[in-house]
């Protein structure tokens, strides 16, 4: 299982973020560690998360734009799409430096999206399959694309539920 490198021109995230995520996937690391790696590993949070409360603390403090760049790289989407997912203006996101912190809501959404993608990678065991599933209309979602639901906590929860059903072998 491999995560596909970005095909579109985007600002340079943490070097080799896709390779790092692939390494964690190959080692069957827990989804919390894959989420941590996806957001930049030590650049995101100095120590590996020991519990989900570490992610709550990070979102309250705010995560850096660099973490969002890393997530965009793994998702293989341009920052314009990330701005839509995070409910922020593309211009506002574009003006931020890599080290600037996002507000707690955008930070929390970023972490939850990364967690959902980590779960999806473990379910599909292939980034291409996950990417196709994310961008294809789904009957269980009333013909909406799972990717388009990742911009709200409720949508993220619903996508996670569908991934759980797939993991359990229930047609979704």
C-alpha atoms as a PDB file:
ATOM      1  CA  UNK A   1       0.000   0.000   0.000  1.00  0.00           C
ATOM      2  CA  UNK A   2       1.414   3.350  -1.007  1.00  0.00           C
ATOM      3  CA  UNK A   3       0.347   6.936  -0.820  1.00  0.00           C
ATOM      4  CA  UNK A   4       0.551   8.620  -4.192  1.00  0.00           C
ATOM      5  CA  UNK A   5       2.740  11.697  -4.435  1.00  0.00           C
ATOM      6  CA  UNK A   6       1.046  14.901  -5.497  1.00  0.00           C
ATOM      7  CA  UNK A   7       0.514  15.503  -9.191  1.00  0.00           C
ATOM      8  CA  UNK A   8      -0.229  19.201  -8.960  1.00  0.00           C
ATOM      9  CA  UNK A   9       2.114  22.021  -8.049  1.00  0.00           C
ATOM     10  CA  UNK A  10       1.782  22.855  -4.362  1.00  0.00           C
ATOM     11  CA  UNK A  11       3.998  24.572  -1.809  1.00  0.00           C
ATOM     12  CA  UNK A  12       6.715  22.246  -0.515  1.00  0.00           C
ATOM     13  CA  UNK A  13       5.571  20.419   2.653  1.00  0.00           C
ATOM     14  CA  UNK A  14       7.787  18.549   5.100  1.00  0.00           C
ATOM     15  CA  UNK A  15      10.306  16.655   2.969  1.00  0.00           C
ATOM     16  CA  UNK A  16       9.231  13.102   2.105  1.00  0.00           C
ATOM     17  CA  UNK A  17       5.900  13.271   3.969  1.00  0.00           C
ATOM     18  CA  UNK A  18       4.382  10.748   1.559  1.00  0.00           C
ATOM     19  CA  UNK A  19       7.311   8.363   2.115  1.00  0.00           C
ATOM     20  CA  UNK A  20       7.046   8.771   5.864  1.00  0.00           C
ATOM     21  CA  UNK A  21       3.324   7.972   5.838  1.00  0.00           C
ATOM     22  CA  UNK A  22       3.997   4.956   3.598  1.00  0.00           C
ATOM     23  CA  UNK A  23       6.598   3.690   6.074  1.00  0.00           C
ATOM     24  CA  UNK A  24       4.147   3.968   8.973  1.00  0.00           C
ATOM     25  CA  UNK A  25       1.469   2.180   6.930  1.00  0.00           C
ATOM     26  CA  UNK A  26       3.846  -0.673   6.050  1.00  0.00           C
ATOM     27  CA  UNK A  27       4.650  -1.103   9.753  1.00  0.00           C
ATOM     28  CA  UNK A  28       0.912  -1.312  10.558  1.00  0.00           C
ATOM     29  CA  UNK A  29       1.166   1.570  13.003  1.00  0.00           C
ATOM     30  CA  UNK A  30      -2.059   2.582  14.775  1.00  0.00           C
ATOM     31  CA  UNK A  31      -4.177   5.210  13.024  1.00  0.00           C
ATOM     32  CA  UNK A  32      -3.285   7.808  15.680  1.00  0.00           C
ATOM     33  CA  UNK A  33       0.394   7.486  14.739  1.00  0.00           C
ATOM     34  CA  UNK A  34      -0.418   7.611  11.018  1.00  0.00           C
ATOM     35  CA  UNK A  35      -2.481  10.758  11.688  1.00  0.00           C
ATOM     36  CA  UNK A  36       0.477  12.240  13.591  1.00  0.00           C
ATOM     37  CA  UNK A  37       2.839  11.370  10.709  1.00  0.00           C
ATOM     38  CA  UNK A  38       0.424  12.749   8.104  1.00  0.00           C
ATOM     39  CA  UNK A  39       0.344  16.117   9.861  1.00  0.00           C
ATOM     40  CA  UNK A  40       4.133  16.314   9.969  1.00  0.00           C
ATOM     41  CA  UNK A  41       5.249  14.040  12.798  1.00  0.00           C
ATOM     42  CA  UNK A  42       7.699  15.897  15.044  1.00  0.00           C
ATOM     43  CA  UNK A  43       7.053  19.111  13.109  1.00  0.00           C
ATOM     44  CA  UNK A  44       3.400  18.796  14.137  1.00  0.00           C
ATOM     45  CA  UNK A  45       3.796  17.508  17.689  1.00  0.00           C
ATOM     46  CA  UNK A  46       7.239  16.907  19.234  1.00  0.00           C
ATOM     47  CA  UNK A  47       6.334  13.582  20.833  1.00  0.00           C
ATOM     48  CA  UNK A  48       4.152  10.845  19.410  1.00  0.00           C
ATOM     49  CA  UNK A  49       0.618  11.112  20.764  1.00  0.00           C
ATOM     50  CA  UNK A  50       0.057   8.861  23.771  1.00  0.00           C
ATOM     51  CA  UNK A  51      -3.717   9.367  23.691  1.00  0.00           C
ATOM     52  CA  UNK A  52      -6.352  11.265  21.730  1.00  0.00           C
ATOM     53  CA  UNK A  53      -6.240  14.049  24.318  1.00  0.00           C
ATOM     54  CA  UNK A  54      -2.888  15.034  22.759  1.00  0.00           C
ATOM     55  CA  UNK A  55      -4.773  15.856  19.540  1.00  0.00           C
ATOM     56  CA  UNK A  56      -7.312  17.902  21.496  1.00  0.00           C
ATOM     57  CA  UNK A  57      -4.460  19.847  23.087  1.00  0.00           C
ATOM     58  CA  UNK A  58      -2.874  20.420  19.659  1.00  0.00           C
ATOM     59  CA  UNK A  59      -6.131  21.659  18.140  1.00  0.00           C
ATOM     60  CA  UNK A  60      -6.763  24.004  21.062  1.00  0.00           C
ATOM     61  CA  UNK A  61      -3.262  25.445  20.709  1.00  0.00           C
ATOM     62  CA  UNK A  62      -3.587  25.545  16.913  1.00  0.00           C
ATOM     63  CA  UNK A  63      -1.664  23.635  14.291  1.00  0.00           C
ATOM     64  CA  UNK A  64       0.656  25.218  11.760  1.00  0.00           C
ATOM     65  CA  UNK A  65      -0.053  25.800   8.107  1.00  0.00           C
ATOM     66  CA  UNK A  66       2.772  23.325   7.462  1.00  0.00           C
ATOM     67  CA  UNK A  67       0.585  20.558   8.907  1.00  0.00           C
ATOM     68  CA  UNK A  68      -2.166  21.509   6.461  1.00  0.00           C
ATOM     69  CA  UNK A  69       0.362  21.516   3.608  1.00  0.00           C
ATOM     70  CA  UNK A  70       1.405  18.006   4.643  1.00  0.00           C
ATOM     71  CA  UNK A  71      -2.199  16.840   4.748  1.00  0.00           C
ATOM     72  CA  UNK A  72      -2.842  18.351   1.302  1.00  0.00           C
ATOM     73  CA  UNK A  73       0.217  16.505  -0.014  1.00  0.00           C
ATOM     74  CA  UNK A  74      -1.021  13.166   1.317  1.00  0.00           C
ATOM     75  CA  UNK A  75      -4.556  13.826   0.015  1.00  0.00           C
ATOM     76  CA  UNK A  76      -3.099  14.958  -3.304  1.00  0.00           C
ATOM     77  CA  UNK A  77      -5.296  18.048  -3.363  1.00  0.00           C
ATOM     78  CA  UNK A  78      -4.407  21.703  -3.961  1.00  0.00           C
ATOM     79  CA  UNK A  79      -4.538  24.193  -1.112  1.00  0.00           C
ATOM     80  CA  UNK A  80      -7.627  25.721  -2.700  1.00  0.00           C
ATOM     81  CA  UNK A  81      -9.499  22.484  -1.869  1.00  0.00           C
ATOM     82  CA  UNK A  82      -8.002  22.421   1.621  1.00  0.00           C
ATOM     83  CA  UNK A  83      -9.292  25.944   2.219  1.00  0.00           C
ATOM     84  CA  UNK A  84     -12.799  24.754   1.284  1.00  0.00           C
ATOM     85  CA  UNK A  85     -12.513  21.752   3.632  1.00  0.00           C
ATOM     86  CA  UNK A  86     -11.341  23.996   6.481  1.00  0.00           C
ATOM     87  CA  UNK A  87     -13.984  26.656   5.799  1.00  0.00           C
ATOM     88  CA  UNK A  88     -11.407  29.413   5.373  1.00  0.00           C
ATOM     89  CA  UNK A  89     -10.766  31.733   2.478  1.00  0.00           C
ATOM     90  CA  UNK A  90      -8.062  30.541   0.091  1.00  0.00           C
ATOM     91  CA  UNK A  91      -6.491  34.012   0.238  1.00  0.00           C
ATOM     92  CA  UNK A  92      -6.414  33.943   4.041  1.00  0.00           C
ATOM     93  CA  UNK A  93      -4.820  30.508   4.059  1.00  0.00           C
ATOM     94  CA  UNK A  94      -2.402  31.556   1.314  1.00  0.00           C
ATOM     95  CA  UNK A  95      -1.194  34.601   3.266  1.00  0.00           C
ATOM     96  CA  UNK A  96      -0.197  32.486   6.254  1.00  0.00           C
ATOM     97  CA  UNK A  97       3.429  31.485   6.693  1.00  0.00           C
ATOM     98  CA  UNK A  98       4.226  27.800   7.164  1.00  0.00           C
ATOM     99  CA  UNK A  99       4.799  28.433  10.867  1.00  0.00           C
ATOM    100  CA  UNK A 100       1.601  30.440  11.448  1.00  0.00           C
ATOM    101  CA  UNK A 101      -1.028  28.772  13.601  1.00  0.00           C
ATOM    102  CA  UNK A 102      -4.568  28.105  12.453  1.00  0.00           C
ATOM    103  CA  UNK A 103      -7.513  28.758  14.761  1.00  0.00           C
ATOM    104  CA  UNK A 104      -8.755  25.904  16.944  1.00  0.00           C
ATOM    105  CA  UNK A 105     -11.721  25.021  14.700  1.00  0.00           C
ATOM    106  CA  UNK A 106      -9.612  24.768  11.515  1.00  0.00           C
ATOM    107  CA  UNK A 107      -6.974  22.882  13.496  1.00  0.00           C
ATOM    108  CA  UNK A 108      -9.543  20.444  14.819  1.00  0.00           C
ATOM    109  CA  UNK A 109     -11.010  19.883  11.344  1.00  0.00           C
ATOM    110  CA  UNK A 110      -7.517  19.240   9.957  1.00  0.00           C
ATOM    111  CA  UNK A 111      -6.813  16.655  12.638  1.00  0.00           C
ATOM    112  CA  UNK A 112     -10.177  14.951  12.136  1.00  0.00           C
ATOM    113  CA  UNK A 113      -9.694  14.852   8.353  1.00  0.00           C
ATOM    114  CA  UNK A 114      -6.220  13.349   8.828  1.00  0.00           C
ATOM    115  CA  UNK A 115      -7.663  10.781  11.232  1.00  0.00           C
ATOM    116  CA  UNK A 116     -10.359   9.852   8.694  1.00  0.00           C
ATOM    117  CA  UNK A 117      -7.786   9.489   5.916  1.00  0.00           C
ATOM    118  CA  UNK A 118      -5.635   7.306   8.192  1.00  0.00           C
ATOM    119  CA  UNK A 119      -8.661   5.090   8.828  1.00  0.00           C
ATOM    120  CA  UNK A 120      -9.432   4.996   5.098  1.00  0.00           C
ATOM    121  CA  UNK A 121      -5.871   3.955   4.296  1.00  0.00           C
ATOM    122  CA  UNK A 122      -6.110   1.110   6.781  1.00  0.00           C
ATOM    123  CA  UNK A 123      -9.483   0.013   5.345  1.00  0.00           C
ATOM    124  CA  UNK A 124      -8.575   0.195   1.641  1.00  0.00           C
ATOM    125  CA  UNK A 125      -4.862  -0.622   2.093  1.00  0.00           C
ATOM    126  CA  UNK A 126      -4.202   1.387  -1.058  1.00  0.00           C
ATOM    127  CA  UNK A 127      -4.153   5.150  -1.500  1.00  0.00           C
ATOM    128  CA  UNK A 128      -5.406   5.009  -5.091  1.00  0.00           C
ATOM    129  CA  UNK A 129      -8.456   2.968  -4.075  1.00  0.00           C
ATOM    130  CA  UNK A 130      -9.138   5.313  -1.164  1.00  0.00           C
ATOM    131  CA  UNK A 131      -8.782   8.360  -3.413  1.00  0.00           C
ATOM    132  CA  UNK A 132     -11.193   6.901  -5.978  1.00  0.00           C
ATOM    133  CA  UNK A 133     -13.686   6.086  -3.202  1.00  0.00           C
ATOM    134  CA  UNK A 134     -13.398   9.589  -1.722  1.00  0.00           C
ATOM    135  CA  UNK A 135     -14.154  11.238  -5.076  1.00  0.00           C
ATOM    136  CA  UNK A 136     -16.921   8.911  -6.262  1.00  0.00           C
ATOM    137  CA  UNK A 137     -20.617   9.400  -5.535  1.00  0.00           C
ATOM    138  CA  UNK A 138     -21.765   7.005  -2.812  1.00  0.00           C
ATOM    139  CA  UNK A 139     -25.293   5.613  -2.526  1.00  0.00           C
ATOM    140  CA  UNK A 140     -24.971   5.351   1.263  1.00  0.00           C
ATOM    141  CA  UNK A 141     -24.371   9.120   1.268  1.00  0.00           C
ATOM    142  CA  UNK A 142     -27.320   9.908  -1.008  1.00  0.00           C
ATOM    143  CA  UNK A 143     -24.969  10.087  -3.992  1.00  0.00           C
ATOM    144  CA  UNK A 144     -22.628  12.626  -2.422  1.00  0.00           C
ATOM    145  CA  UNK A 145     -18.870  12.214  -2.626  1.00  0.00           C
ATOM    146  CA  UNK A 146     -17.248  11.373   0.733  1.00  0.00           C
ATOM    147  CA  UNK A 147     -14.554  14.018   0.082  1.00  0.00           C
ATOM    148  CA  UNK A 148     -17.196  16.741  -0.147  1.00  0.00           C
ATOM    149  CA  UNK A 149     -18.446  15.879   3.356  1.00  0.00           C
ATOM    150  CA  UNK A 150     -15.077  16.359   5.044  1.00  0.00           C
ATOM    151  CA  UNK A 151     -15.699  20.065   5.702  1.00  0.00           C
ATOM    152  CA  UNK A 152     -17.891  19.594   8.802  1.00  0.00           C
ATOM    153  CA  UNK A 153     -17.591  17.465  11.950  1.00  0.00           C
ATOM    154  CA  UNK A 154     -20.933  15.819  11.113  1.00  0.00           C
ATOM    155  CA  UNK A 155     -19.767  14.953   7.597  1.00  0.00           C
ATOM    156  CA  UNK A 156     -16.472  13.580   8.904  1.00  0.00           C
ATOM    157  CA  UNK A 157     -18.383  11.415  11.378  1.00  0.00           C
ATOM    158  CA  UNK A 158     -20.604  10.095   8.589  1.00  0.00           C
ATOM    159  CA  UNK A 159     -17.614   9.269   6.357  1.00  0.00           C
ATOM    160  CA  UNK A 160     -16.008   7.461   9.311  1.00  0.00           C
ATOM    161  CA  UNK A 161     -19.207   5.459   9.834  1.00  0.00           C
ATOM    162  CA  UNK A 162     -19.204   4.386   6.184  1.00  0.00           C
ATOM    163  CA  UNK A 163     -15.515   3.417   6.422  1.00  0.00           C
ATOM    164  CA  UNK A 164     -16.380   1.359   9.511  1.00  0.00           C
ATOM    165  CA  UNK A 165     -19.122  -0.421   7.581  1.00  0.00           C
ATOM    166  CA  UNK A 166     -16.720  -1.184   4.745  1.00  0.00           C
ATOM    167  CA  UNK A 167     -14.176  -2.459   7.264  1.00  0.00           C
ATOM    168  CA  UNK A 168     -16.844  -4.806   8.661  1.00  0.00           C
ATOM    169  CA  UNK A 169     -17.718  -6.036   5.182  1.00  0.00           C
ATOM    170  CA  UNK A 170     -21.059  -4.251   4.894  1.00  0.00           C
ATOM    171  CA  UNK A 171     -21.680  -3.030   1.348  1.00  0.00           C
ATOM    172  CA  UNK A 172     -21.581   0.781   1.401  1.00  0.00           C
END
